[in-house]
Amino acid sequence: EATPSIEASVVLILPEFGCNTARVYKAFDNAPASPFREGEVRSMALTAQIEPEELFNDLASPAEFVAPRLGTVLEATREVARDLPVHVTGSGSTCFVVCPEGKEQARILAEDIQSEVEDARAVVAAIC
């Protein structure tokens, strides 16, 4: 039986500034240790079922600490994205929103982010 195709698209939010990777990792190393989430990672990897609200990035908070403007972009994007989770990629500053309803939802969200979030561009990418 064929696996159904994924209709979701992703909006990438590209701030006009970067996050210094070395400083983000240093901030991560200096922060109190958070619990290791082996079970969550294993479950996502084994089932290949990943819900946008289950995604996490332990470097997100250190990235916001290093680049406080990232927090402003995230907050503004969350207001525009409403119920859709907003995530930071790697050590920042790029963020993303998964649009489960597909390309049209992503296109509209990208336009809204583009017009309402200062210091950032938004582009649509398909999930393959």
N, C-alpha and C. Protein backbone atom coordinates (compact mmCIF):
# COMPACT_ATOMS: atom_id res chain seq x y z
N GLU A 1 0.85 -1.18 0.00
CA GLU A 1 0.00 0.00 0.00
C GLU A 1 0.89 1.24 0.00
N ALA A 2 0.59 2.17 -0.86
CA ALA A 2 1.39 3.39 -0.99
C ALA A 2 1.13 4.32 0.18
N THR A 3 2.18 4.98 0.60
CA THR A 3 2.07 5.98 1.66
C THR A 3 1.47 7.25 1.06
N PRO A 4 0.50 7.86 1.76
CA PRO A 4 -0.07 9.10 1.21
C PRO A 4 0.99 10.19 1.12
N SER A 5 0.86 11.02 0.10
CA SER A 5 1.83 12.09 -0.06
C SER A 5 1.60 13.17 0.99
N ILE A 6 2.65 13.86 1.31
CA ILE A 6 2.58 14.94 2.28
C ILE A 6 2.19 16.22 1.55
N GLU A 7 1.16 16.87 2.04
CA GLU A 7 0.69 18.10 1.42
C GLU A 7 1.28 19.33 2.07
N ALA A 8 1.89 19.17 3.23
CA ALA A 8 2.36 20.33 3.99
C ALA A 8 3.43 21.11 3.25
N SER A 9 3.48 22.38 3.57
CA SER A 9 4.53 23.27 3.08
C SER A 9 5.14 23.96 4.30
N VAL A 10 6.26 24.60 4.10
CA VAL A 10 6.96 25.29 5.17
C VAL A 10 7.19 26.72 4.76
N VAL A 11 6.99 27.64 5.71
CA VAL A 11 7.37 29.04 5.51
C VAL A 11 8.67 29.24 6.26
N LEU A 12 9.68 29.68 5.53
CA LEU A 12 10.96 30.02 6.15
C LEU A 12 10.96 31.51 6.44
N ILE A 13 11.33 31.87 7.66
CA ILE A 13 11.43 33.27 8.05
C ILE A 13 12.91 33.59 8.15
N LEU A 14 13.36 34.53 7.35
CA LEU A 14 14.79 34.85 7.22
C LEU A 14 15.05 36.25 7.79
N PRO A 15 15.45 36.32 9.06
CA PRO A 15 15.76 37.63 9.64
C PRO A 15 16.92 38.29 8.91
N GLU A 16 16.97 39.62 9.01
CA GLU A 16 18.01 40.39 8.34
C GLU A 16 19.30 40.40 9.15
N PHE A 17 19.41 39.54 10.12
CA PHE A 17 20.60 39.44 10.97
C PHE A 17 20.86 37.96 11.22
N GLY A 18 22.04 37.64 11.64
CA GLY A 18 22.39 36.27 11.93
C GLY A 18 22.63 36.06 13.41
N CYS A 19 22.87 34.83 13.78
CA CYS A 19 23.25 34.47 15.14
C CYS A 19 24.64 33.86 15.05
N ASN A 20 25.55 34.37 15.85
CA ASN A 20 26.91 33.84 15.87
C ASN A 20 26.88 32.44 16.46
N THR A 21 27.17 31.44 15.63
CA THR A 21 27.05 30.04 16.04
C THR A 21 27.91 29.72 17.26
N ALA A 22 29.15 30.19 17.28
CA ALA A 22 30.03 29.90 18.42
C ALA A 22 29.45 30.48 19.71
N ARG A 23 28.91 31.70 19.63
CA ARG A 23 28.32 32.32 20.83
C ARG A 23 27.05 31.60 21.26
N VAL A 24 26.25 31.11 20.30
CA VAL A 24 25.04 30.36 20.65
C VAL A 24 25.42 29.08 21.39
N TYR A 25 26.39 28.34 20.87
CA TYR A 25 26.82 27.11 21.52
C TYR A 25 27.43 27.39 22.89
N LYS A 26 28.16 28.47 23.03
CA LYS A 26 28.73 28.84 24.33
C LYS A 26 27.60 29.14 25.32
N ALA A 27 26.58 29.88 24.87
CA ALA A 27 25.43 30.17 25.73
C ALA A 27 24.71 28.88 26.11
N PHE A 28 24.60 27.94 25.17
CA PHE A 28 24.00 26.63 25.45
C PHE A 28 24.81 25.89 26.51
N ASP A 29 26.14 25.88 26.34
CA ASP A 29 27.01 25.20 27.30
C ASP A 29 26.93 25.82 28.69
N ASN A 30 26.72 27.13 28.76
CA ASN A 30 26.67 27.84 30.05
C ASN A 30 25.30 27.78 30.72
N ALA A 31 24.28 27.37 29.99
CA ALA A 31 22.92 27.30 30.54
C ALA A 31 22.77 26.04 31.39
N PRO A 32 21.83 26.06 32.34
CA PRO A 32 21.57 24.82 33.10
C PRO A 32 21.17 23.70 32.14
N ALA A 33 21.64 22.50 32.44
CA ALA A 33 21.34 21.35 31.58
C ALA A 33 19.85 21.06 31.58
N SER A 34 19.32 20.82 30.40
CA SER A 34 17.91 20.44 30.29
C SER A 34 17.85 18.92 30.14
N PRO A 35 16.70 18.33 30.44
CA PRO A 35 16.60 16.87 30.33
C PRO A 35 16.86 16.40 28.90
N PHE A 36 17.54 15.29 28.78
CA PHE A 36 17.79 14.69 27.48
C PHE A 36 16.50 14.06 27.00
N ARG A 37 16.09 14.34 25.78
CA ARG A 37 14.79 13.90 25.26
C ARG A 37 14.93 12.70 24.32
N GLU A 38 15.67 11.72 24.73
CA GLU A 38 15.92 10.56 23.87
C GLU A 38 14.62 9.89 23.41
N GLY A 39 13.68 9.73 24.32
CA GLY A 39 12.42 9.07 23.97
C GLY A 39 11.66 9.82 22.89
N GLU A 40 11.61 11.15 22.98
CA GLU A 40 10.91 11.94 21.98
C GLU A 40 11.58 11.83 20.62
N VAL A 41 12.90 11.92 20.61
CA VAL A 41 13.64 11.84 19.36
C VAL A 41 13.49 10.44 18.75
N ARG A 42 13.64 9.42 19.58
CA ARG A 42 13.51 8.04 19.10
C ARG A 42 12.13 7.80 18.49
N SER A 43 11.09 8.27 19.16
CA SER A 43 9.73 8.09 18.66
C SER A 43 9.54 8.74 17.30
N MET A 44 10.01 9.98 17.16
CA MET A 44 9.88 10.68 15.87
C MET A 44 10.67 9.95 14.78
N ALA A 45 11.86 9.48 15.12
CA ALA A 45 12.71 8.81 14.13
C ALA A 45 12.13 7.46 13.71
N LEU A 46 11.62 6.71 14.65
CA LEU A 46 11.12 5.37 14.34
C LEU A 46 9.78 5.38 13.62
N THR A 47 8.94 6.32 13.95
CA THR A 47 7.61 6.34 13.34
C THR A 47 7.53 7.19 12.09
N ALA A 48 8.51 8.06 11.90
CA ALA A 48 8.49 9.03 10.79
C ALA A 48 7.22 9.85 10.83
N GLN A 49 6.63 9.95 12.01
CA GLN A 49 5.44 10.77 12.22
C GLN A 49 5.85 11.94 13.09
N ILE A 50 5.91 13.10 12.51
CA ILE A 50 6.34 14.28 13.26
C ILE A 50 5.26 15.34 13.17
N GLU A 51 4.74 15.71 14.32
CA GLU A 51 3.75 16.77 14.39
C GLU A 51 4.49 18.08 14.65
N PRO A 52 4.11 19.17 14.00
CA PRO A 52 4.83 20.44 14.17
C PRO A 52 4.97 20.88 15.63
N GLU A 53 3.95 20.62 16.45
CA GLU A 53 4.02 21.05 17.84
C GLU A 53 4.98 20.20 18.67
N GLU A 54 5.41 19.04 18.15
CA GLU A 54 6.35 18.18 18.86
C GLU A 54 7.81 18.55 18.59
N LEU A 55 8.05 19.34 17.57
CA LEU A 55 9.43 19.71 17.23
C LEU A 55 10.02 20.58 18.32
N PHE A 56 11.31 20.45 18.53
CA PHE A 56 11.99 21.28 19.51
C PHE A 56 13.42 21.51 19.07
N ASN A 57 14.01 22.55 19.62
CA ASN A 57 15.39 22.91 19.31
C ASN A 57 16.01 23.47 20.59
N ASP A 58 16.91 22.73 21.18
CA ASP A 58 17.55 23.16 22.43
C ASP A 58 18.43 24.38 22.24
N LEU A 59 18.71 24.78 21.01
CA LEU A 59 19.52 25.96 20.76
C LEU A 59 18.68 27.23 20.61
N ALA A 60 17.36 27.10 20.61
CA ALA A 60 16.50 28.26 20.39
C ALA A 60 16.67 29.32 21.48
N SER A 61 16.60 28.93 22.73
CA SER A 61 16.75 29.90 23.82
C SER A 61 18.14 30.53 23.84
N PRO A 62 19.22 29.73 23.71
CA PRO A 62 20.54 30.36 23.63
C PRO A 62 20.66 31.32 22.44
N ALA A 63 20.03 30.99 21.31
CA ALA A 63 20.07 31.89 20.15
C ALA A 63 19.37 33.20 20.46
N GLU A 64 18.24 33.15 21.15
CA GLU A 64 17.54 34.37 21.55
C GLU A 64 18.37 35.18 22.54
N PHE A 65 19.11 34.49 23.40
CA PHE A 65 19.98 35.18 24.36
C PHE A 65 21.09 35.93 23.64
N VAL A 66 21.69 35.26 22.65
CA VAL A 66 22.79 35.86 21.89
C VAL A 66 22.30 36.97 20.97
N ALA A 67 21.14 36.77 20.37
CA ALA A 67 20.58 37.75 19.43
C ALA A 67 19.16 38.11 19.88
N PRO A 68 19.03 39.05 20.81
CA PRO A 68 17.70 39.39 21.34
C PRO A 68 16.68 39.78 20.26
N ARG A 69 17.15 40.31 19.13
CA ARG A 69 16.23 40.64 18.04
C ARG A 69 15.50 39.40 17.53
N LEU A 70 16.11 38.23 17.70
CA LEU A 70 15.46 36.99 17.29
C LEU A 70 14.17 36.78 18.08
N GLY A 71 14.20 37.09 19.36
CA GLY A 71 12.99 36.98 20.18
C GLY A 71 11.88 37.87 19.67
N THR A 72 12.23 39.06 19.22
CA THR A 72 11.25 39.99 18.67
C THR A 72 10.64 39.43 17.39
N VAL A 73 11.48 38.87 16.52
CA VAL A 73 10.99 38.27 15.27
C VAL A 73 10.09 37.07 15.58
N LEU A 74 10.50 36.23 16.53
CA LEU A 74 9.69 35.06 16.90
C LEU A 74 8.33 35.48 17.44
N GLU A 75 8.33 36.45 18.33
CA GLU A 75 7.07 36.92 18.92
C GLU A 75 6.14 37.48 17.84
N ALA A 76 6.66 38.30 16.96
CA ALA A 76 5.84 38.88 15.89
C ALA A 76 5.34 37.79 14.95
N THR A 77 6.19 36.82 14.64
CA THR A 77 5.78 35.73 13.75
C THR A 77 4.71 34.88 14.41
N ARG A 78 4.84 34.62 15.70
CA ARG A 78 3.82 33.83 16.41
C ARG A 78 2.47 34.53 16.39
N GLU A 79 2.46 35.85 16.48
CA GLU A 79 1.20 36.59 16.41
C GLU A 79 0.55 36.42 15.04
N VAL A 80 1.35 36.46 14.00
CA VAL A 80 0.83 36.33 12.63
C VAL A 80 0.42 34.88 12.35
N ALA A 81 1.20 33.92 12.84
CA ALA A 81 0.96 32.50 12.55
C ALA A 81 -0.19 31.93 13.38
N ARG A 82 -0.62 32.65 14.37
CA ARG A 82 -1.73 32.26 15.25
C ARG A 82 -1.46 30.91 15.91
N ASP A 83 -2.15 29.86 15.53
CA ASP A 83 -2.05 28.56 16.20
C ASP A 83 -0.93 27.67 15.68
N LEU A 84 -0.21 28.11 14.67
CA LEU A 84 0.86 27.29 14.12
C LEU A 84 2.16 27.54 14.87
N PRO A 85 2.84 26.47 15.31
CA PRO A 85 4.11 26.65 16.04
C PRO A 85 5.20 27.25 15.15
N VAL A 86 6.01 28.11 15.75
CA VAL A 86 7.14 28.74 15.07
C VAL A 86 8.41 28.17 15.70
N HIS A 87 9.34 27.73 14.86
CA HIS A 87 10.56 27.08 15.34
C HIS A 87 11.80 27.78 14.81
N VAL A 88 12.89 27.68 15.57
CA VAL A 88 14.20 28.19 15.16
C VAL A 88 14.97 27.02 14.55
N THR A 89 15.65 27.27 13.43
CA THR A 89 16.49 26.24 12.83
C THR A 89 17.90 26.33 13.42
N GLY A 90 18.50 25.21 13.68
CA GLY A 90 19.88 25.16 14.15
C GLY A 90 20.18 26.18 15.21
N SER A 91 21.25 26.94 15.02
CA SER A 91 21.63 27.97 15.98
C SER A 91 21.05 29.33 15.60
N GLY A 92 20.07 29.35 14.68
CA GLY A 92 19.43 30.59 14.28
C GLY A 92 20.20 31.26 13.17
N SER A 93 19.69 32.24 12.62
CA SER A 93 18.51 33.00 12.97
C SER A 93 17.28 32.61 12.14
N THR A 94 17.44 31.74 11.15
CA THR A 94 16.29 31.33 10.35
C THR A 94 15.28 30.59 11.22
N CYS A 95 14.00 30.86 10.96
CA CYS A 95 12.90 30.20 11.67
C CYS A 95 11.99 29.56 10.62
N PHE A 96 11.06 28.73 11.09
CA PHE A 96 10.13 28.13 10.14
C PHE A 96 8.79 27.83 10.80
N VAL A 97 7.77 27.75 9.95
CA VAL A 97 6.42 27.38 10.35
C VAL A 97 5.96 26.31 9.36
N VAL A 98 5.51 25.16 9.89
CA VAL A 98 4.93 24.12 9.04
C VAL A 98 3.47 24.47 8.81
N CYS A 99 3.06 24.46 7.55
CA CYS A 99 1.67 24.75 7.17
C CYS A 99 1.04 23.44 6.70
N PRO A 100 0.32 22.76 7.59
CA PRO A 100 -0.20 21.43 7.26
C PRO A 100 -1.22 21.40 6.14
N GLU A 101 -1.83 22.54 5.84
CA GLU A 101 -2.85 22.57 4.79
C GLU A 101 -2.26 22.80 3.40
N GLY A 102 -0.95 22.96 3.32
CA GLY A 102 -0.32 23.02 2.02
C GLY A 102 0.12 24.38 1.54
N LYS A 103 0.35 24.41 0.23
CA LYS A 103 0.98 25.55 -0.44
C LYS A 103 0.19 26.85 -0.31
N GLU A 104 -1.12 26.80 -0.43
CA GLU A 104 -1.91 28.03 -0.37
C GLU A 104 -1.87 28.63 1.03
N GLN A 105 -1.99 27.80 2.04
CA GLN A 105 -1.89 28.28 3.42
C GLN A 105 -0.51 28.91 3.65
N ALA A 106 0.53 28.26 3.15
CA ALA A 106 1.89 28.76 3.30
C ALA A 106 2.07 30.09 2.55
N ARG A 107 1.52 30.18 1.36
CA ARG A 107 1.65 31.41 0.57
C ARG A 107 1.02 32.60 1.31
N ILE A 108 -0.18 32.38 1.84
CA ILE A 108 -0.88 33.44 2.56
C ILE A 108 -0.10 33.82 3.82
N LEU A 109 0.37 32.82 4.56
CA LEU A 109 1.13 33.09 5.78
C LEU A 109 2.42 33.85 5.46
N ALA A 110 3.12 33.44 4.42
CA ALA A 110 4.36 34.12 4.04
C ALA A 110 4.10 35.58 3.70
N GLU A 111 3.02 35.84 2.98
CA GLU A 111 2.67 37.23 2.65
C GLU A 111 2.38 38.03 3.92
N ASP A 112 1.64 37.43 4.84
CA ASP A 112 1.32 38.11 6.10
C ASP A 112 2.58 38.39 6.92
N ILE A 113 3.46 37.41 7.00
CA ILE A 113 4.71 37.60 7.74
C ILE A 113 5.54 38.69 7.08
N GLN A 114 5.63 38.61 5.76
CA GLN A 114 6.41 39.60 5.01
C GLN A 114 5.94 41.02 5.30
N SER A 115 4.64 41.21 5.39
CA SER A 115 4.12 42.56 5.59
C SER A 115 4.06 42.99 7.05
N GLU A 116 4.04 42.03 7.99
CA GLU A 116 3.83 42.39 9.39
C GLU A 116 5.03 42.18 10.31
N VAL A 117 6.02 41.43 9.89
CA VAL A 117 7.17 41.17 10.75
C VAL A 117 8.36 41.98 10.25
N GLU A 118 8.83 42.91 11.09
CA GLU A 118 9.96 43.75 10.71
C GLU A 118 11.26 42.94 10.75
N ASP A 119 12.22 43.37 9.97
CA ASP A 119 13.57 42.77 9.96
C ASP A 119 13.59 41.33 9.48
N ALA A 120 12.61 40.90 8.66
CA ALA A 120 12.62 39.51 8.18
C ALA A 120 11.91 39.40 6.84
N ARG A 121 12.36 38.42 6.05
CA ARG A 121 11.68 38.04 4.81
C ARG A 121 11.06 36.68 5.04
N ALA A 122 10.06 36.33 4.26
CA ALA A 122 9.42 35.02 4.36
C ALA A 122 9.32 34.40 2.98
N VAL A 123 9.66 33.12 2.89
CA VAL A 123 9.57 32.38 1.63
C VAL A 123 8.92 31.03 1.90
N VAL A 124 8.29 30.49 0.86
CA VAL A 124 7.61 29.19 0.96
C VAL A 124 8.51 28.10 0.40
N ALA A 125 8.57 26.98 1.12
CA ALA A 125 9.31 25.81 0.66
C ALA A 125 8.39 24.60 0.80
N ALA A 126 8.45 23.69 -0.14
CA ALA A 126 7.63 22.48 -0.08
C ALA A 126 8.35 21.40 0.73
N ILE A 127 7.57 20.55 1.37
CA ILE A 127 8.13 19.39 2.06
C ILE A 127 8.09 18.25 1.07
N CYS A 128 9.25 17.64 0.83
CA CYS A 128 9.31 16.53 -0.14
C CYS A 128 9.41 15.21 0.57
